[in-house]
Amino acid sequence: MGEKMKTYKSHLARFLAEKGLLVYIENGECKSLSERSIATYISTVFREDRKPRNYQDKKQK
């Protein structure tokens, strides 16, 4: 992965953490996700998006 992509993902994670845009609920109270949790989630989304898709399965449905 390129250096620009790593920088982009870290900036995005920092922005989301600072603004408190991603939260989870614990005991009925909303809490912001940590920057590290957000970065992990972003990496997972990018990884899933880059997986090759099997178009044969889509045609059969």
C-alpha atoms as a PDB file:
ATOM      1  CA  MET A   1       0.000   0.000   0.000  1.00  0.00           C
ATOM      2  CA  GLY A   2       1.292   3.410  -0.868  1.00  0.00           C
ATOM      3  CA  GLU A   3       2.421   5.966   1.648  1.00  0.00           C
ATOM      4  CA  LYS A   4      -0.314   8.377   0.540  1.00  0.00           C
ATOM      5  CA  MET A   5      -3.010   5.808   1.331  1.00  0.00           C
ATOM      6  CA  LYS A   6      -1.606   5.210   4.815  1.00  0.00           C
ATOM      7  CA  THR A   7      -1.536   8.946   5.451  1.00  0.00           C
ATOM      8  CA  TYR A   8      -5.073   9.327   4.145  1.00  0.00           C
ATOM      9  CA  LYS A   9      -6.389   6.576   6.405  1.00  0.00           C
ATOM     10  CA  SER A  10      -4.639   7.945   9.485  1.00  0.00           C
ATOM     11  CA  HIS A  11      -5.952  11.464   8.820  1.00  0.00           C
ATOM     12  CA  LEU A  12      -9.456  10.105   8.317  1.00  0.00           C
ATOM     13  CA  ALA A  13      -9.273   8.115  11.559  1.00  0.00           C
ATOM     14  CA  ARG A  14      -7.985  11.137  13.476  1.00  0.00           C
ATOM     15  CA  PHE A  15     -10.717  13.384  12.064  1.00  0.00           C
ATOM     16  CA  LEU A  16     -13.498  10.933  12.915  1.00  0.00           C
ATOM     17  CA  ALA A  17     -12.131  10.431  16.435  1.00  0.00           C
ATOM     18  CA  GLU A  18     -11.777  14.163  17.108  1.00  0.00           C
ATOM     19  CA  LYS A  19     -15.306  14.900  15.909  1.00  0.00           C
ATOM     20  CA  GLY A  20     -16.774  11.923  17.758  1.00  0.00           C
ATOM     21  CA  LEU A  21     -18.662  10.803  14.670  1.00  0.00           C
ATOM     22  CA  LEU A  22     -18.396   7.072  15.343  1.00  0.00           C
ATOM     23  CA  VAL A  23     -19.764   5.906  18.669  1.00  0.00           C
ATOM     24  CA  TYR A  24     -20.763   2.765  20.492  1.00  0.00           C
ATOM     25  CA  ILE A  25     -23.318   2.343  23.233  1.00  0.00           C
ATOM     26  CA  GLU A  26     -22.273   0.988  26.599  1.00  0.00           C
ATOM     27  CA  ASN A  27     -24.784   0.789  29.454  1.00  0.00           C
ATOM     28  CA  GLY A  28     -27.110   3.140  27.598  1.00  0.00           C
ATOM     29  CA  GLU A  29     -24.398   5.775  27.154  1.00  0.00           C
ATOM     30  CA  CYS A  30     -22.820   6.794  23.833  1.00  0.00           C
ATOM     31  CA  LYS A  31     -19.035   6.738  23.831  1.00  0.00           C
ATOM     32  CA  SER A  32     -16.685   7.748  21.030  1.00  0.00           C
ATOM     33  CA  LEU A  33     -14.547   5.095  19.423  1.00  0.00           C
ATOM     34  CA  SER A  34     -10.809   5.475  19.856  1.00  0.00           C
ATOM     35  CA  GLU A  35      -8.663   6.586  16.954  1.00  0.00           C
ATOM     36  CA  ARG A  36      -7.047   3.148  16.861  1.00  0.00           C
ATOM     37  CA  SER A  37     -10.417   1.370  16.651  1.00  0.00           C
ATOM     38  CA  ILE A  38     -11.485   3.651  13.830  1.00  0.00           C
ATOM     39  CA  ALA A  39      -8.197   3.059  11.975  1.00  0.00           C
ATOM     40  CA  THR A  40      -8.682  -0.702  12.284  1.00  0.00           C
ATOM     41  CA  TYR A  41     -12.221  -0.413  10.949  1.00  0.00           C
ATOM     42  CA  ILE A  42     -11.083   1.728   8.002  1.00  0.00           C
ATOM     43  CA  SER A  43      -8.364  -0.799   7.144  1.00  0.00           C
ATOM     44  CA  THR A  44     -10.906  -3.617   7.238  1.00  0.00           C
ATOM     45  CA  VAL A  45     -13.259  -1.750   4.919  1.00  0.00           C
ATOM     46  CA  PHE A  46     -10.450  -1.014   2.448  1.00  0.00           C
ATOM     47  CA  ARG A  47      -9.284  -4.644   2.556  1.00  0.00           C
ATOM     48  CA  GLU A  48     -12.812  -5.944   1.905  1.00  0.00           C
ATOM     49  CA  ASP A  49     -13.265  -3.495  -0.947  1.00  0.00           C
ATOM     50  CA  ARG A  50     -10.061  -4.651  -2.630  1.00  0.00           C
ATOM     51  CA  LYS A  51     -10.951  -8.368  -2.525  1.00  0.00           C
ATOM     52  CA  PRO A  52     -11.642  -9.855  -5.937  1.00  0.00           C
ATOM     53  CA  ARG A  53     -15.323 -10.459  -6.455  1.00  0.00           C
ATOM     54  CA  ASN A  54     -16.712 -13.634  -7.899  1.00  0.00           C
ATOM     55  CA  TYR A  55     -19.129 -12.426 -10.557  1.00  0.00           C
ATOM     56  CA  GLN A  56     -20.326 -15.972 -11.312  1.00  0.00           C
ATOM     57  CA  ASP A  57     -22.070 -16.109  -7.920  1.00  0.00           C
ATOM     58  CA  LYS A  58     -23.910 -12.871  -8.660  1.00  0.00           C
ATOM     59  CA  LYS A  59     -25.138 -14.147 -12.038  1.00  0.00           C
ATOM     60  CA  GLN A  60     -26.603 -17.321 -10.522  1.00  0.00           C
ATOM     61  CA  LYS A  61     -28.735 -15.463  -7.948  1.00  0.00           C
END
